[in-house]
Amino acid sequence: MNMVFGKKLKELRNERSLTQEQLAQILNVSKTTICQWETFKQEPSLNTLVAIAHYFDVSVDYLLITEN
């Protein structure tokens, strides 16, 4: 599991003052799915990852790679 993704997703969601439920509606997934992503229990599909990057105007690399 990529722990970086979950942390960054939560940070981005909080920066926009979105609840898990609101983000779930935007991405057309369940609130449970958002929770599982943020707690490192599940990872999104590649298509969903691209949609998340597009929505938050960040790169897929940003979502997956730790900055040193």
PDB file of N, CA and C in Angstrom:
ATOM      1  N   MET A   1       0.827  -1.192   0.000  1.00  0.00           N
ATOM      2  CA  MET A   1       0.000   0.000   0.000  1.00  0.00           C
ATOM      3  C   MET A   1       0.869   1.254   0.000  1.00  0.00           C
ATOM      4  N   ASN A   2       0.418   2.242  -0.721  1.00  0.00           N
ATOM      5  CA  ASN A   2       1.126   3.510  -0.801  1.00  0.00           C
ATOM      6  C   ASN A   2       0.565   4.460   0.253  1.00  0.00           C
ATOM      7  N   MET A   3       1.286   4.612   1.357  1.00  0.00           N
ATOM      8  CA  MET A   3       0.824   5.464   2.452  1.00  0.00           C
ATOM      9  C   MET A   3       0.883   6.939   2.084  1.00  0.00           C
ATOM     10  N   VAL A   4       1.756   7.291   1.165  1.00  0.00           N
ATOM     11  CA  VAL A   4       1.883   8.677   0.735  1.00  0.00           C
ATOM     12  C   VAL A   4       0.565   9.160   0.139  1.00  0.00           C
ATOM     13  N   PHE A   5      -0.057   8.347  -0.691  1.00  0.00           N
ATOM     14  CA  PHE A   5      -1.300   8.740  -1.344  1.00  0.00           C
ATOM     15  C   PHE A   5      -2.379   9.113  -0.331  1.00  0.00           C
ATOM     16  N   GLY A   6      -2.590   8.274   0.647  1.00  0.00           N
ATOM     17  CA  GLY A   6      -3.634   8.529   1.644  1.00  0.00           C
ATOM     18  C   GLY A   6      -3.418   9.823   2.394  1.00  0.00           C
ATOM     19  N   LYS A   7      -2.182  10.079   2.786  1.00  0.00           N
ATOM     20  CA  LYS A   7      -1.859  11.314   3.507  1.00  0.00           C
ATOM     21  C   LYS A   7      -2.086  12.535   2.633  1.00  0.00           C
ATOM     22  N   LYS A   8      -1.627  12.469   1.396  1.00  0.00           N
ATOM     23  CA  LYS A   8      -1.770  13.618   0.501  1.00  0.00           C
ATOM     24  C   LYS A   8      -3.226  13.855   0.125  1.00  0.00           C
ATOM     25  N   LEU A   9      -3.976  12.790  -0.078  1.00  0.00           N
ATOM     26  CA  LEU A   9      -5.395  12.952  -0.392  1.00  0.00           C
ATOM     27  C   LEU A   9      -6.107  13.667   0.745  1.00  0.00           C
ATOM     28  N   LYS A  10      -5.846  13.258   1.955  1.00  0.00           N
ATOM     29  CA  LYS A  10      -6.482  13.892   3.110  1.00  0.00           C
ATOM     30  C   LYS A  10      -6.077  15.359   3.216  1.00  0.00           C
ATOM     31  N   GLU A  11      -4.799  15.655   2.997  1.00  0.00           N
ATOM     32  CA  GLU A  11      -4.330  17.048   3.039  1.00  0.00           C
ATOM     33  C   GLU A  11      -5.035  17.891   1.984  1.00  0.00           C
ATOM     34  N   LEU A  12      -5.099  17.383   0.765  1.00  0.00           N
ATOM     35  CA  LEU A  12      -5.749  18.123  -0.318  1.00  0.00           C
ATOM     36  C   LEU A  12      -7.231  18.327  -0.042  1.00  0.00           C
ATOM     37  N   ARG A  13      -7.878  17.300   0.467  1.00  0.00           N
ATOM     38  CA  ARG A  13      -9.306  17.385   0.796  1.00  0.00           C
ATOM     39  C   ARG A  13      -9.533  18.438   1.876  1.00  0.00           C
ATOM     40  N   ASN A  14      -8.703  18.425   2.899  1.00  0.00           N
ATOM     41  CA  ASN A  14      -8.844  19.391   3.991  1.00  0.00           C
ATOM     42  C   ASN A  14      -8.538  20.813   3.544  1.00  0.00           C
ATOM     43  N   GLU A  15      -7.571  20.981   2.634  1.00  0.00           N
ATOM     44  CA  GLU A  15      -7.248  22.312   2.115  1.00  0.00           C
ATOM     45  C   GLU A  15      -8.447  22.941   1.421  1.00  0.00           C
ATOM     46  N   ARG A  16      -9.272  22.111   0.812  1.00  0.00           N
ATOM     47  CA  ARG A  16     -10.477  22.608   0.119  1.00  0.00           C
ATOM     48  C   ARG A  16     -11.715  22.554   1.012  1.00  0.00           C
ATOM     49  N   SER A  17     -11.494  22.205   2.275  1.00  0.00           N
ATOM     50  CA  SER A  17     -12.591  22.120   3.254  1.00  0.00           C
ATOM     51  C   SER A  17     -13.708  21.190   2.790  1.00  0.00           C
ATOM     52  N   LEU A  18     -13.309  20.065   2.225  1.00  0.00           N
ATOM     53  CA  LEU A  18     -14.269  19.056   1.774  1.00  0.00           C
ATOM     54  C   LEU A  18     -14.382  17.948   2.805  1.00  0.00           C
ATOM     55  N   THR A  19     -15.583  17.461   3.013  1.00  0.00           N
ATOM     56  CA  THR A  19     -15.755  16.261   3.829  1.00  0.00           C
ATOM     57  C   THR A  19     -15.470  15.046   2.953  1.00  0.00           C
ATOM     58  N   GLN A  20     -15.311  13.906   3.589  1.00  0.00           N
ATOM     59  CA  GLN A  20     -15.133  12.675   2.819  1.00  0.00           C
ATOM     60  C   GLN A  20     -16.354  12.437   1.940  1.00  0.00           C
ATOM     61  N   GLU A  21     -17.513  12.729   2.461  1.00  0.00           N
ATOM     62  CA  GLU A  21     -18.749  12.518   1.702  1.00  0.00           C
ATOM     63  C   GLU A  21     -18.813  13.431   0.472  1.00  0.00           C
ATOM     64  N   GLN A  22     -18.411  14.686   0.624  1.00  0.00           N
ATOM     65  CA  GLN A  22     -18.420  15.607  -0.507  1.00  0.00           C
ATOM     66  C   GLN A  22     -17.450  15.155  -1.596  1.00  0.00           C
ATOM     67  N   LEU A  23     -16.243  14.752  -1.184  1.00  0.00           N
ATOM     68  CA  LEU A  23     -15.264  14.283  -2.157  1.00  0.00           C
ATOM     69  C   LEU A  23     -15.750  13.007  -2.836  1.00  0.00           C
ATOM     70  N   ALA A  24     -16.378  12.143  -2.079  1.00  0.00           N
ATOM     71  CA  ALA A  24     -16.921  10.909  -2.645  1.00  0.00           C
ATOM     72  C   ALA A  24     -17.931  11.225  -3.743  1.00  0.00           C
ATOM     73  N   GLN A  25     -18.792  12.204  -3.512  1.00  0.00           N
ATOM     74  CA  GLN A  25     -19.786  12.587  -4.522  1.00  0.00           C
ATOM     75  C   GLN A  25     -19.102  13.147  -5.766  1.00  0.00           C
ATOM     76  N   ILE A  26     -18.074  13.953  -5.572  1.00  0.00           N
ATOM     77  CA  ILE A  26     -17.344  14.538  -6.697  1.00  0.00           C
ATOM     78  C   ILE A  26     -16.699  13.450  -7.554  1.00  0.00           C
ATOM     79  N   LEU A  27     -16.130  12.443  -6.889  1.00  0.00           N
ATOM     80  CA  LEU A  27     -15.406  11.381  -7.592  1.00  0.00           C
ATOM     81  C   LEU A  27     -16.299  10.190  -7.956  1.00  0.00           C
ATOM     82  N   ASN A  28     -17.567  10.256  -7.555  1.00  0.00           N
ATOM     83  CA  ASN A  28     -18.522   9.185  -7.842  1.00  0.00           C
ATOM     84  C   ASN A  28     -18.096   7.847  -7.225  1.00  0.00           C
ATOM     85  N   VAL A  29     -17.679   7.926  -5.962  1.00  0.00           N
ATOM     86  CA  VAL A  29     -17.343   6.737  -5.175  1.00  0.00           C
ATOM     87  C   VAL A  29     -18.061   6.866  -3.835  1.00  0.00           C
ATOM     88  N   SER A  30     -17.958   5.858  -3.002  1.00  0.00           N
ATOM     89  CA  SER A  30     -18.612   5.924  -1.693  1.00  0.00           C
ATOM     90  C   SER A  30     -17.718   6.637  -0.673  1.00  0.00           C
ATOM     91  N   LYS A  31     -18.346   7.127   0.390  1.00  0.00           N
ATOM     92  CA  LYS A  31     -17.593   7.741   1.490  1.00  0.00           C
ATOM     93  C   LYS A  31     -16.641   6.708   2.098  1.00  0.00           C
ATOM     94  N   THR A  32     -17.083   5.465   2.164  1.00  0.00           N
ATOM     95  CA  THR A  32     -16.250   4.389   2.692  1.00  0.00           C
ATOM     96  C   THR A  32     -14.974   4.239   1.869  1.00  0.00           C
ATOM     97  N   THR A  33     -15.094   4.384   0.562  1.00  0.00           N
ATOM     98  CA  THR A  33     -13.924   4.277  -0.310  1.00  0.00           C
ATOM     99  C   THR A  33     -12.923   5.378   0.003  1.00  0.00           C
ATOM    100  N   ILE A  34     -13.389   6.609   0.186  1.00  0.00           N
ATOM    101  CA  ILE A  34     -12.493   7.722   0.537  1.00  0.00           C
ATOM    102  C   ILE A  34     -11.792   7.407   1.860  1.00  0.00           C
ATOM    103  N   CYS A  35     -12.552   6.931   2.822  1.00  0.00           N
ATOM    104  CA  CYS A  35     -11.978   6.575   4.130  1.00  0.00           C
ATOM    105  C   CYS A  35     -10.919   5.493   3.982  1.00  0.00           C
ATOM    106  N   GLN A  36     -11.185   4.490   3.172  1.00  0.00           N
ATOM    107  CA  GLN A  36     -10.215   3.412   2.979  1.00  0.00           C
ATOM    108  C   GLN A  36      -8.957   3.912   2.288  1.00  0.00           C
ATOM    109  N   TRP A  37      -9.099   4.834   1.348  1.00  0.00           N
ATOM    110  CA  TRP A  37      -7.915   5.412   0.710  1.00  0.00           C
ATOM    111  C   TRP A  37      -7.081   6.177   1.721  1.00  0.00           C
ATOM    112  N   GLU A  38      -7.747   6.966   2.557  1.00  0.00           N
ATOM    113  CA  GLU A  38      -7.026   7.813   3.517  1.00  0.00           C
ATOM    114  C   GLU A  38      -6.412   7.019   4.661  1.00  0.00           C
ATOM    115  N   THR A  39      -6.898   5.823   4.893  1.00  0.00           N
ATOM    116  CA  THR A  39      -6.348   4.987   5.971  1.00  0.00           C
ATOM    117  C   THR A  39      -5.523   3.821   5.430  1.00  0.00           C
ATOM    118  N   PHE A  40      -5.134   3.930   4.173  1.00  0.00           N
ATOM    119  CA  PHE A  40      -4.200   2.997   3.536  1.00  0.00           C
ATOM    120  C   PHE A  40      -4.731   1.567   3.407  1.00  0.00           C
ATOM    121  N   LYS A  41      -6.039   1.402   3.405  1.00  0.00           N
ATOM    122  CA  LYS A  41      -6.631   0.064   3.298  1.00  0.00           C
ATOM    123  C   LYS A  41      -6.948  -0.319   1.858  1.00  0.00           C
ATOM    124  N   GLN A  42      -6.977   0.676   0.987  1.00  0.00           N
ATOM    125  CA  GLN A  42      -7.322   0.428  -0.413  1.00  0.00           C
ATOM    126  C   GLN A  42      -6.668   1.520  -1.246  1.00  0.00           C
ATOM    127  N   GLU A  43      -6.420   1.224  -2.509  1.00  0.00           N
ATOM    128  CA  GLU A  43      -5.865   2.215  -3.427  1.00  0.00           C
ATOM    129  C   GLU A  43      -6.824   2.392  -4.605  1.00  0.00           C
ATOM    130  N   PRO A  44      -6.867   3.592  -5.166  1.00  0.00           N
ATOM    131  CA  PRO A  44      -7.762   3.818  -6.301  1.00  0.00           C
ATOM    132  C   PRO A  44      -7.222   3.178  -7.572  1.00  0.00           C
ATOM    133  N   SER A  45      -8.118   2.984  -8.521  1.00  0.00           N
ATOM    134  CA  SER A  45      -7.687   2.512  -9.841  1.00  0.00           C
ATOM    135  C   SER A  45      -6.882   3.627 -10.507  1.00  0.00           C
ATOM    136  N   LEU A  46      -6.190   3.282 -11.567  1.00  0.00           N
ATOM    137  CA  LEU A  46      -5.392   4.277 -12.292  1.00  0.00           C
ATOM    138  C   LEU A  46      -6.288   5.388 -12.839  1.00  0.00           C
ATOM    139  N   ASN A  47      -7.431   5.032 -13.396  1.00  0.00           N
ATOM    140  CA  ASN A  47      -8.346   6.049 -13.921  1.00  0.00           C
ATOM    141  C   ASN A  47      -8.829   6.991 -12.827  1.00  0.00           C
ATOM    142  N   THR A  48      -9.127   6.454 -11.660  1.00  0.00           N
ATOM    143  CA  THR A  48      -9.579   7.282 -10.547  1.00  0.00           C
ATOM    144  C   THR A  48      -8.442   8.147 -10.031  1.00  0.00           C
ATOM    145  N   LEU A  49      -7.246   7.604  -9.997  1.00  0.00           N
ATOM    146  CA  LEU A  49      -6.075   8.373  -9.572  1.00  0.00           C
ATOM    147  C   LEU A  49      -5.863   9.584 -10.480  1.00  0.00           C
ATOM    148  N   VAL A  50      -6.023   9.381 -11.764  1.00  0.00           N
ATOM    149  CA  VAL A  50      -5.899  10.484 -12.728  1.00  0.00           C
ATOM    150  C   VAL A  50      -7.008  11.512 -12.494  1.00  0.00           C
ATOM    151  N   ALA A  51      -8.207  11.056 -12.208  1.00  0.00           N
ATOM    152  CA  ALA A  51      -9.324  11.972 -11.939  1.00  0.00           C
ATOM    153  C   ALA A  51      -9.071  12.796 -10.677  1.00  0.00           C
ATOM    154  N   ILE A  52      -8.503  12.167  -9.664  1.00  0.00           N
ATOM    155  CA  ILE A  52      -8.175  12.869  -8.417  1.00  0.00           C
ATOM    156  C   ILE A  52      -7.113  13.936  -8.684  1.00  0.00           C
ATOM    157  N   ALA A  53      -6.079  13.558  -9.422  1.00  0.00           N
ATOM    158  CA  ALA A  53      -5.008  14.508  -9.757  1.00  0.00           C
ATOM    159  C   ALA A  53      -5.584  15.686 -10.542  1.00  0.00           C
ATOM    160  N   HIS A  54      -6.460  15.401 -11.481  1.00  0.00           N
ATOM    161  CA  HIS A  54      -7.079  16.459 -12.284  1.00  0.00           C
ATOM    162  C   HIS A  54      -7.932  17.383 -11.411  1.00  0.00           C
ATOM    163  N   TYR A  55      -8.744  16.805 -10.548  1.00  0.00           N
ATOM    164  CA  TYR A  55      -9.622  17.609  -9.691  1.00  0.00           C
ATOM    165  C   TYR A  55      -8.816  18.555  -8.800  1.00  0.00           C
ATOM    166  N   PHE A  56      -7.748  18.040  -8.195  1.00  0.00           N
ATOM    167  CA  PHE A  56      -6.949  18.853  -7.278  1.00  0.00           C
ATOM    168  C   PHE A  56      -5.842  19.638  -7.993  1.00  0.00           C
ATOM    169  N   ASP A  57      -5.754  19.484  -9.315  1.00  0.00           N
ATOM    170  CA  ASP A  57      -4.758  20.188 -10.122  1.00  0.00           C
ATOM    171  C   ASP A  57      -3.326  19.899  -9.641  1.00  0.00           C
ATOM    172  N   VAL A  58      -3.063  18.620  -9.445  1.00  0.00           N
ATOM    173  CA  VAL A  58      -1.724  18.148  -9.084  1.00  0.00           C
ATOM    174  C   VAL A  58      -1.362  16.995 -10.017  1.00  0.00           C
ATOM    175  N   SER A  59      -0.120  16.609 -10.012  1.00  0.00           N
ATOM    176  CA  SER A  59       0.294  15.476 -10.840  1.00  0.00           C
ATOM    177  C   SER A  59       0.049  14.162 -10.099  1.00  0.00           C
ATOM    178  N   VAL A  60      -0.024  13.097 -10.863  1.00  0.00           N
ATOM    179  CA  VAL A  60      -0.126  11.765 -10.253  1.00  0.00           C
ATOM    180  C   VAL A  60       1.136  11.496  -9.436  1.00  0.00           C
ATOM    181  N   ASP A  61       2.277  11.937  -9.947  1.00  0.00           N
ATOM    182  CA  ASP A  61       3.533  11.780  -9.198  1.00  0.00           C
ATOM    183  C   ASP A  61       3.427  12.423  -7.822  1.00  0.00           C
ATOM    184  N   TYR A  62       2.855  13.616  -7.774  1.00  0.00           N
ATOM    185  CA  TYR A  62       2.707  14.307  -6.481  1.00  0.00           C
ATOM    186  C   TYR A  62       1.913  13.444  -5.499  1.00  0.00           C
ATOM    187  N   LEU A  63       0.879  12.790  -5.984  1.00  0.00           N
ATOM    188  CA  LEU A  63       0.032  11.977  -5.123  1.00  0.00           C
ATOM    189  C   LEU A  63       0.723  10.717  -4.617  1.00  0.00           C
ATOM    190  N   LEU A  64       1.715  10.229  -5.360  1.00  0.00           N
ATOM    191  CA  LEU A  64       2.291   8.920  -5.040  1.00  0.00           C
ATOM    192  C   LEU A  64       3.710   8.945  -4.491  1.00  0.00           C
ATOM    193  N   ILE A  65       4.421  10.039  -4.694  1.00  0.00           N
ATOM    194  CA  ILE A  65       5.849  10.048  -4.345  1.00  0.00           C
ATOM    195  C   ILE A  65       6.129  10.987  -3.197  1.00  0.00           C
ATOM    196  N   THR A  66       6.930  10.505  -2.249  1.00  0.00           N
ATOM    197  CA  THR A  66       7.351  11.303  -1.103  1.00  0.00           C
ATOM    198  C   THR A  66       8.362  12.327  -1.544  1.00  0.00           C
ATOM    199  N   GLU A  67       8.185  13.544  -1.069  1.00  0.00           N
ATOM    200  CA  GLU A  67       9.194  14.577  -1.344  1.00  0.00           C
ATOM    201  C   GLU A  67      10.282  14.464  -0.284  1.00  0.00           C
ATOM    202  N   ASN A  68      11.527  14.493  -0.741  1.00  0.00           N
ATOM    203  CA  ASN A  68      12.654  14.378   0.196  1.00  0.00           C
ATOM    204  C   ASN A  68      13.154  15.725   0.622  1.00  0.00           C
TER     205      ASN A  68
END
